Amino acid sequence: MRIVPQLMFEGRVDEALDLWRRAFPAMTVIPGTPVEVEIAGQPLRLLDSAIPHGFGLTPSFSLTVTCADESELRALADVLGKGGEVLMPLGAYDFAPCFVWLVDAVGVSWQLIVRP
């Protein structure tokens, strides 16, 4: 048995792949329908829905990235945050010395954290 999160887009998978390649140069992509990617060991399935639907991606499901240090976190936040939205600004919080929660330009929610 294997569980793989699937993100459903409406015509934006290629845009997501372009963005994420800049953020995660080591990302692997297995073309197909759906597309499968692996980012830092985490497999994801990306589906471009041919059928319009009345819902989208939501921040209630986030991809959490544990970064080695603040400079790595800031570099990711710069790429992923461009054209997106910040839900919690980059800073120190009770639970982490450095954290940011953002939604990228294609609507995927990312929580970037440096563990104490």
Protein backbone atom coordinates (compact mmCIF):
# COMPACT_ATOMS: atom_id res chain seq x y z
CA MET A 1 0.00 0.00 0.00
CA ARG A 2 1.19 3.51 -0.80
CA ILE A 3 -0.41 6.91 -0.19
CA VAL A 4 0.45 9.73 -2.58
CA PRO A 5 -1.15 13.17 -2.20
CA GLN A 6 -2.81 14.36 -5.40
CA LEU A 7 -3.28 18.01 -6.28
CA MET A 8 -5.90 18.81 -8.90
CA PHE A 9 -5.43 21.86 -11.07
CA GLU A 10 -7.43 23.32 -13.94
CA GLY A 11 -4.84 23.76 -16.69
CA ARG A 12 -1.98 24.89 -14.42
CA VAL A 13 0.18 21.79 -13.98
CA ASP A 14 2.84 23.05 -16.40
CA GLU A 15 2.91 26.40 -14.56
CA ALA A 16 3.33 24.56 -11.23
CA LEU A 17 6.15 22.45 -12.67
CA ASP A 18 7.98 25.53 -13.98
CA LEU A 19 7.68 27.29 -10.61
CA TRP A 20 8.67 24.27 -8.54
CA ARG A 21 11.69 23.49 -10.77
CA ARG A 22 13.05 26.91 -9.85
CA ALA A 23 12.41 26.31 -6.14
CA PHE A 24 13.52 22.67 -6.06
CA PRO A 25 16.12 22.02 -8.81
CA ALA A 26 16.49 18.37 -7.71
CA MET A 27 12.77 17.67 -8.22
CA THR A 28 12.13 14.64 -10.40
CA VAL A 29 9.22 14.53 -12.84
CA ILE A 30 7.56 11.46 -14.33
CA PRO A 31 5.44 12.72 -17.23
CA GLY A 32 2.02 11.27 -17.77
CA THR A 33 -1.60 11.76 -16.86
CA PRO A 34 -1.43 12.46 -14.04
CA VAL A 35 2.12 13.80 -13.72
CA GLU A 36 4.10 12.47 -10.77
CA VAL A 37 6.82 14.47 -9.07
CA GLU A 38 9.11 13.87 -6.16
CA ILE A 39 10.29 16.80 -4.08
CA ALA A 40 12.78 16.09 -1.27
CA GLY A 41 11.64 12.46 -1.17
CA GLN A 42 7.91 13.29 -1.12
CA PRO A 43 5.91 11.96 -4.07
CA LEU A 44 3.03 14.08 -5.37
CA ARG A 45 0.55 13.42 -8.14
CA LEU A 46 -0.53 16.45 -10.21
CA LEU A 47 -3.69 16.24 -12.24
CA ASP A 48 -4.95 18.79 -14.76
CA SER A 49 -8.72 18.43 -14.64
CA ALA A 50 -10.37 18.60 -18.03
CA ILE A 51 -13.64 19.33 -16.26
CA PRO A 52 -14.16 22.77 -14.66
CA HIS A 53 -15.13 22.50 -11.02
CA GLY A 54 -16.41 24.86 -8.35
CA PHE A 55 -13.57 24.30 -5.89
CA GLY A 56 -9.87 24.90 -5.78
CA LEU A 57 -6.84 24.20 -3.66
CA THR A 58 -7.11 25.29 -0.04
CA PRO A 59 -4.55 26.22 2.64
CA SER A 60 -6.12 23.58 4.89
CA PHE A 61 -3.76 21.22 3.02
CA SER A 62 -0.16 22.45 3.04
CA LEU A 63 3.15 21.06 1.93
CA THR A 64 5.55 21.55 4.85
CA VAL A 65 9.25 21.90 4.10
CA THR A 66 11.79 21.64 6.90
CA CYS A 67 14.74 23.77 5.83
CA ALA A 68 18.33 23.39 7.00
CA ASP A 69 18.66 27.07 7.92
CA GLU A 70 17.18 30.51 7.46
CA SER A 71 19.02 31.21 4.20
CA GLU A 72 17.58 28.06 2.61
CA LEU A 73 14.10 29.02 3.85
CA ARG A 74 14.40 32.57 2.52
CA ALA A 75 15.56 31.32 -0.90
CA LEU A 76 12.54 29.00 -1.15
CA ALA A 77 10.17 31.71 0.09
CA ASP A 78 11.49 34.13 -2.55
CA VAL A 79 10.73 31.69 -5.38
CA LEU A 80 7.49 30.18 -4.07
CA GLY A 81 6.10 33.50 -2.83
CA LYS A 82 6.46 35.40 -6.11
CA GLY A 83 2.96 36.12 -7.37
CA GLY A 84 1.42 34.33 -4.39
CA GLU A 85 0.06 35.29 -1.00
CA VAL A 86 1.60 35.29 2.48
CA LEU A 87 -0.62 33.74 5.16
CA MET A 88 1.90 34.09 8.02
CA PRO A 89 4.85 36.43 7.45
CA LEU A 90 8.41 35.23 7.63
CA GLY A 91 9.69 35.54 11.17
CA ALA A 92 10.44 33.90 14.49
CA TYR A 93 7.52 32.22 16.26
CA ASP A 94 7.15 30.32 19.55
CA PHE A 95 7.37 27.03 17.64
CA ALA A 96 10.28 27.89 15.31
CA PRO A 97 13.14 30.37 14.97
CA CYS A 98 12.17 30.94 11.32
CA PHE A 99 8.85 30.18 9.62
CA VAL A 100 6.67 31.41 6.77
CA TRP A 101 3.33 30.16 5.43
CA LEU A 102 2.50 31.14 1.88
CA VAL A 103 0.38 30.19 -1.09
CA ASP A 104 2.29 30.05 -4.37
CA ALA A 105 1.13 31.52 -7.68
CA VAL A 106 -0.69 28.30 -8.66
CA GLY A 107 -2.58 28.07 -5.35
CA VAL A 108 -0.54 25.49 -3.42
CA SER A 109 -0.02 26.20 0.29
CA TRP A 110 3.54 25.87 1.64
CA GLN A 111 4.72 26.03 5.25
CA LEU A 112 8.48 26.57 5.36
CA ILE A 113 10.15 26.03 8.71
CA VAL A 114 13.56 25.87 10.38
CA ARG A 115 13.27 23.60 13.38
CA PRO A 116 14.70 24.82 16.70
